[in-house]
C-alpha cells in the first residue's frame, strides 16, 4: 500500500511530531522513508539578498555552511527517531518555496503518502501566515496524513504495543 513515504521537516519540534507516525507506517509496510528539508528561499530572500537566493535555487546551498548544517541536523533528527527500525532512509534537501518543493518532489518520485504536522493555527493567523501542510494537501492528489500538533505520538506507539 505504502512503499514510499515522505515526511517533510523544518527541524522544529512541531514538524517532528509527524516522524513517529511516518516511522511506524514505514516499518509496517516495509516502505522507504524520505525525510525532506526545504530551505525556504522566500523567507531567506529578505535576509540574504537575491544573489544568495539565486545560488540556493541553483543548488549551491552546500557552500552555505549554516544552511547546510541546519538541513543536515533536521534530517539527522529524523534518523534518530527511526533508531534501529529496519527502514530504508533516503534524505532529501531542496531549496525553494516549501509547499511547491514538497509537492513537486512527491509527484516526481512516486511518493505514496506524505506525513506532516499541522500546528492548528486558525483564523487571522492562518490567513496571514498560511500553512505549508494545508497548501500541500490542496495541491496534490496523493494522500496526505495530517498529524495534529496536540497529539502525542508516543501514546499511539505505547497503546499499540500494549495491544500486541
C-alpha atoms as a PDB file:
ATOM      1  CA  UNK A   1       0.000   0.000   0.000  1.00  0.00           C
ATOM      2  CA  UNK A   2       2.680   2.494   1.027  1.00  0.00           C
ATOM      3  CA  UNK A   3       6.106   1.886  -0.495  1.00  0.00           C
ATOM      4  CA  UNK A   4       7.442   5.441  -0.418  1.00  0.00           C
ATOM      5  CA  UNK A   5       6.633   7.798   2.475  1.00  0.00           C
ATOM      6  CA  UNK A   6       7.661  11.458   2.552  1.00  0.00           C
ATOM      7  CA  UNK A   7       7.991  13.274   5.877  1.00  0.00           C
ATOM      8  CA  UNK A   8       8.899  16.959   5.465  1.00  0.00           C
ATOM      9  CA  UNK A   9      10.608  18.607   8.424  1.00  0.00           C
ATOM     10  CA  UNK A  10      11.898  22.053   9.233  1.00  0.00           C
ATOM     11  CA  UNK A  11      13.897  20.678  12.146  1.00  0.00           C
ATOM     12  CA  UNK A  12      11.480  22.097  14.692  1.00  0.00           C
ATOM     13  CA  UNK A  13       9.737  20.186  17.440  1.00  0.00           C
ATOM     14  CA  UNK A  14       6.281  20.672  15.908  1.00  0.00           C
ATOM     15  CA  UNK A  15       7.174  19.319  12.462  1.00  0.00           C
ATOM     16  CA  UNK A  16       8.926  16.356  14.085  1.00  0.00           C
ATOM     17  CA  UNK A  17       5.672  15.218  15.683  1.00  0.00           C
ATOM     18  CA  UNK A  18       4.844  13.592  12.342  1.00  0.00           C
ATOM     19  CA  UNK A  19       8.017  11.495  12.338  1.00  0.00           C
ATOM     20  CA  UNK A  20       6.879   8.692  14.704  1.00  0.00           C
ATOM     21  CA  UNK A  21       3.777   8.178  12.568  1.00  0.00           C
ATOM     22  CA  UNK A  22       5.837   8.014   9.373  1.00  0.00           C
ATOM     23  CA  UNK A  23       8.322   5.627  11.012  1.00  0.00           C
ATOM     24  CA  UNK A  24       5.527   3.356  12.235  1.00  0.00           C
ATOM     25  CA  UNK A  25       3.967   3.240   8.764  1.00  0.00           C
ATOM     26  CA  UNK A  26       7.304   2.727   7.014  1.00  0.00           C
ATOM     27  CA  UNK A  27       8.086  -0.132   9.374  1.00  0.00           C
ATOM     28  CA  UNK A  28       4.671  -1.786   8.943  1.00  0.00           C
ATOM     29  CA  UNK A  29       4.644  -1.513   5.166  1.00  0.00           C
ATOM     30  CA  UNK A  30       8.382  -2.066   4.615  1.00  0.00           C
ATOM     31  CA  UNK A  31       8.464   1.346   2.936  1.00  0.00           C
ATOM     32  CA  UNK A  32      11.314   3.713   2.168  1.00  0.00           C
ATOM     33  CA  UNK A  33      11.170   6.861   4.272  1.00  0.00           C
ATOM     34  CA  UNK A  34      12.101  10.169   2.660  1.00  0.00           C
ATOM     35  CA  UNK A  35      12.813  12.824   5.300  1.00  0.00           C
ATOM     36  CA  UNK A  36      12.760  16.154   3.466  1.00  0.00           C
ATOM     37  CA  UNK A  37      14.104  19.553   4.445  1.00  0.00           C
ATOM     38  CA  UNK A  38      13.296  22.543   2.248  1.00  0.00           C
ATOM     39  CA  UNK A  39      15.378  25.689   2.551  1.00  0.00           C
ATOM     40  CA  UNK A  40      12.692  28.357   2.292  1.00  0.00           C
ATOM     41  CA  UNK A  41      14.097  30.797  -0.249  1.00  0.00           C
ATOM     42  CA  UNK A  42      11.146  33.153   0.153  1.00  0.00           C
ATOM     43  CA  UNK A  43      11.893  33.576   3.853  1.00  0.00           C
ATOM     44  CA  UNK A  44      15.616  33.919   3.217  1.00  0.00           C
ATOM     45  CA  UNK A  45      15.389  36.343   0.303  1.00  0.00           C
ATOM     46  CA  UNK A  46      14.930  39.291   2.647  1.00  0.00           C
ATOM     47  CA  UNK A  47      17.927  38.390   4.781  1.00  0.00           C
ATOM     48  CA  UNK A  48      20.349  37.081   2.163  1.00  0.00           C
ATOM     49  CA  UNK A  49      19.660  39.128  -0.928  1.00  0.00           C
ATOM     50  CA  UNK A  50      18.855  37.996  -4.433  1.00  0.00           C
ATOM     51  CA  UNK A  51      22.372  36.808  -5.355  1.00  0.00           C
ATOM     52  CA  UNK A  52      22.456  34.321  -2.475  1.00  0.00           C
ATOM     53  CA  UNK A  53      18.915  33.128  -3.199  1.00  0.00           C
ATOM     54  CA  UNK A  54      19.870  32.565  -6.854  1.00  0.00           C
ATOM     55  CA  UNK A  55      22.783  30.433  -5.643  1.00  0.00           C
ATOM     56  CA  UNK A  56      20.399  28.451  -3.412  1.00  0.00           C
ATOM     57  CA  UNK A  57      17.955  27.920  -6.269  1.00  0.00           C
ATOM     58  CA  UNK A  58      20.836  26.615  -8.392  1.00  0.00           C
ATOM     59  CA  UNK A  59      21.613  24.006  -5.730  1.00  0.00           C
ATOM     60  CA  UNK A  60      24.632  25.777  -4.269  1.00  0.00           C
ATOM     61  CA  UNK A  61      23.485  25.672  -0.660  1.00  0.00           C
ATOM     62  CA  UNK A  62      26.257  23.203   0.231  1.00  0.00           C
ATOM     63  CA  UNK A  63      28.594  26.188   0.137  1.00  0.00           C
ATOM     64  CA  UNK A  64      26.439  27.992   2.704  1.00  0.00           C
ATOM     65  CA  UNK A  65      27.634  26.216   5.827  1.00  0.00           C
ATOM     66  CA  UNK A  66      24.966  27.378   8.276  1.00  0.00           C
ATOM     67  CA  UNK A  67      22.080  26.452   5.983  1.00  0.00           C
ATOM     68  CA  UNK A  68      23.630  23.114   5.096  1.00  0.00           C
ATOM     69  CA  UNK A  69      24.189  22.299   8.787  1.00  0.00           C
ATOM     70  CA  UNK A  70      20.605  23.240   9.651  1.00  0.00           C
ATOM     71  CA  UNK A  71      19.294  20.950   6.898  1.00  0.00           C
ATOM     72  CA  UNK A  72      21.623  18.100   7.871  1.00  0.00           C
ATOM     73  CA  UNK A  73      20.655  18.429  11.544  1.00  0.00           C
ATOM     74  CA  UNK A  74      16.942  18.293  10.695  1.00  0.00           C
ATOM     75  CA  UNK A  75      17.470  15.110   8.667  1.00  0.00           C
ATOM     76  CA  UNK A  76      19.626  13.612  11.429  1.00  0.00           C
ATOM     77  CA  UNK A  77      16.873  14.222  13.993  1.00  0.00           C
ATOM     78  CA  UNK A  78      14.572  12.100  11.825  1.00  0.00           C
ATOM     79  CA  UNK A  79      17.238   9.376  11.623  1.00  0.00           C
ATOM     80  CA  UNK A  80      17.494   9.373  15.415  1.00  0.00           C
ATOM     81  CA  UNK A  81      13.742   8.794  15.714  1.00  0.00           C
ATOM     82  CA  UNK A  82      13.981   5.890  13.273  1.00  0.00           C
ATOM     83  CA  UNK A  83      16.500   4.309  15.627  1.00  0.00           C
ATOM     84  CA  UNK A  84      17.107   0.621  14.974  1.00  0.00           C
ATOM     85  CA  UNK A  85      13.959   0.096  12.918  1.00  0.00           C
ATOM     86  CA  UNK A  86      14.771  -1.742   9.664  1.00  0.00           C
ATOM     87  CA  UNK A  87      13.732   1.163   7.449  1.00  0.00           C
ATOM     88  CA  UNK A  88      15.468   2.435   4.320  1.00  0.00           C
ATOM     89  CA  UNK A  89      16.018   6.188   4.624  1.00  0.00           C
ATOM     90  CA  UNK A  90      16.589   8.386   1.588  1.00  0.00           C
ATOM     91  CA  UNK A  91      17.095  12.004   2.747  1.00  0.00           C
ATOM     92  CA  UNK A  92      16.110  14.939   0.561  1.00  0.00           C
ATOM     93  CA  UNK A  93      17.261  18.552   0.789  1.00  0.00           C
ATOM     94  CA  UNK A  94      15.798  21.115  -1.603  1.00  0.00           C
ATOM     95  CA  UNK A  95      15.646  24.893  -1.844  1.00  0.00           C
ATOM     96  CA  UNK A  96      12.560  26.853  -2.851  1.00  0.00           C
ATOM     97  CA  UNK A  97       9.040  27.520  -1.644  1.00  0.00           C
ATOM     98  CA  UNK A  98       8.330  24.659   0.802  1.00  0.00           C
ATOM     99  CA  UNK A  99       4.871  23.584  -0.334  1.00  0.00           C
ATOM    100  CA  UNK A 100       5.865  23.741  -4.005  1.00  0.00           C
ATOM    101  CA  UNK A 101       9.048  21.726  -3.432  1.00  0.00           C
ATOM    102  CA  UNK A 102       7.249  19.098  -1.335  1.00  0.00           C
ATOM    103  CA  UNK A 103       4.528  18.578  -3.941  1.00  0.00           C
ATOM    104  CA  UNK A 104       6.996  18.581  -6.852  1.00  0.00           C
ATOM    105  CA  UNK A 105       9.251  16.024  -5.174  1.00  0.00           C
ATOM    106  CA  UNK A 106       6.320  13.802  -4.193  1.00  0.00           C
ATOM    107  CA  UNK A 107       4.925  13.788  -7.719  1.00  0.00           C
ATOM    108  CA  UNK A 108       8.294  13.291  -9.422  1.00  0.00           C
ATOM    109  CA  UNK A 109       9.267  10.418  -7.126  1.00  0.00           C
ATOM    110  CA  UNK A 110       6.045   8.397  -6.924  1.00  0.00           C
ATOM    111  CA  UNK A 111       5.540   9.084  -3.222  1.00  0.00           C
ATOM    112  CA  UNK A 112       2.571   7.096  -1.862  1.00  0.00           C
ATOM    113  CA  UNK A 113       1.967   9.125   1.316  1.00  0.00           C
ATOM    114  CA  UNK A 114       3.028  12.476   2.736  1.00  0.00           C
ATOM    115  CA  UNK A 115       3.016  12.717   6.547  1.00  0.00           C
ATOM    116  CA  UNK A 116       3.004  16.242   8.014  1.00  0.00           C
ATOM    117  CA  UNK A 117       2.108  18.112  11.185  1.00  0.00           C
ATOM    118  CA  UNK A 118      -0.485  20.849  11.459  1.00  0.00           C
ATOM    119  CA  UNK A 119       0.132  23.496  14.083  1.00  0.00           C
ATOM    120  CA  UNK A 120      -3.581  24.061  14.465  1.00  0.00           C
ATOM    121  CA  UNK A 121      -3.488  27.772  13.727  1.00  0.00           C
ATOM    122  CA  UNK A 122      -6.808  29.244  12.831  1.00  0.00           C
ATOM    123  CA  UNK A 123      -8.475  32.491  11.944  1.00  0.00           C
ATOM    124  CA  UNK A 124      -6.330  35.523  11.210  1.00  0.00           C
ATOM    125  CA  UNK A 125      -3.013  33.768  11.908  1.00  0.00           C
ATOM    126  CA  UNK A 126      -3.733  31.069   9.318  1.00  0.00           C
ATOM    127  CA  UNK A 127      -4.973  33.662   6.812  1.00  0.00           C
ATOM    128  CA  UNK A 128      -1.856  35.801   7.246  1.00  0.00           C
ATOM    129  CA  UNK A 129       0.775  33.102   7.675  1.00  0.00           C
ATOM    130  CA  UNK A 130      -0.768  30.301   5.663  1.00  0.00           C
ATOM    131  CA  UNK A 131       0.015  26.678   6.298  1.00  0.00           C
ATOM    132  CA  UNK A 132       2.535  24.610   4.403  1.00  0.00           C
ATOM    133  CA  UNK A 133       0.577  21.489   5.336  1.00  0.00           C
ATOM    134  CA  UNK A 134      -2.682  22.930   4.058  1.00  0.00           C
ATOM    135  CA  UNK A 135      -1.081  24.081   0.808  1.00  0.00           C
ATOM    136  CA  UNK A 136       0.485  20.658   0.237  1.00  0.00           C
ATOM    137  CA  UNK A 137      -2.827  18.919   0.869  1.00  0.00           C
ATOM    138  CA  UNK A 138      -4.648  21.254  -1.523  1.00  0.00           C
ATOM    139  CA  UNK A 139      -2.069  20.987  -4.302  1.00  0.00           C
ATOM    140  CA  UNK A 140      -1.521  17.255  -4.577  1.00  0.00           C
ATOM    141  CA  UNK A 141      -3.686  14.318  -5.498  1.00  0.00           C
ATOM    142  CA  UNK A 142      -1.776  11.881  -3.291  1.00  0.00           C
ATOM    143  CA  UNK A 143      -2.762  11.099   0.303  1.00  0.00           C
ATOM    144  CA  UNK A 144      -1.562  13.481   2.998  1.00  0.00           C
ATOM    145  CA  UNK A 145      -1.692  12.317   6.605  1.00  0.00           C
ATOM    146  CA  UNK A 146      -2.008  15.354   8.866  1.00  0.00           C
ATOM    147  CA  UNK A 147      -0.867  14.915  12.455  1.00  0.00           C
ATOM    148  CA  UNK A 148      -2.341  17.400  14.911  1.00  0.00           C
ATOM    149  CA  UNK A 149       0.390  19.170  16.872  1.00  0.00           C
ATOM    150  CA  UNK A 150      -1.520  18.488  20.077  1.00  0.00           C
ATOM    151  CA  UNK A 151      -1.370  14.690  19.517  1.00  0.00           C
ATOM    152  CA  UNK A 152       1.131  12.627  21.487  1.00  0.00           C
ATOM    153  CA  UNK A 153       2.691  10.131  19.071  1.00  0.00           C
ATOM    154  CA  UNK A 154       4.294   8.195  21.922  1.00  0.00           C
ATOM    155  CA  UNK A 155       0.810   7.488  23.249  1.00  0.00           C
ATOM    156  CA  UNK A 156      -0.097   5.855  19.910  1.00  0.00           C
ATOM    157  CA  UNK A 157       3.004   3.671  19.903  1.00  0.00           C
ATOM    158  CA  UNK A 158       2.533   2.641  23.560  1.00  0.00           C
ATOM    159  CA  UNK A 159      -1.169   1.838  23.080  1.00  0.00           C
ATOM    160  CA  UNK A 160      -0.451  -0.365  20.066  1.00  0.00           C
ATOM    161  CA  UNK A 161       2.459  -2.109  21.829  1.00  0.00           C
ATOM    162  CA  UNK A 162       0.190  -2.937  24.769  1.00  0.00           C
ATOM    163  CA  UNK A 163      -2.458  -4.374  22.430  1.00  0.00           C
ATOM    164  CA  UNK A 164       0.058  -6.725  20.771  1.00  0.00           C
END
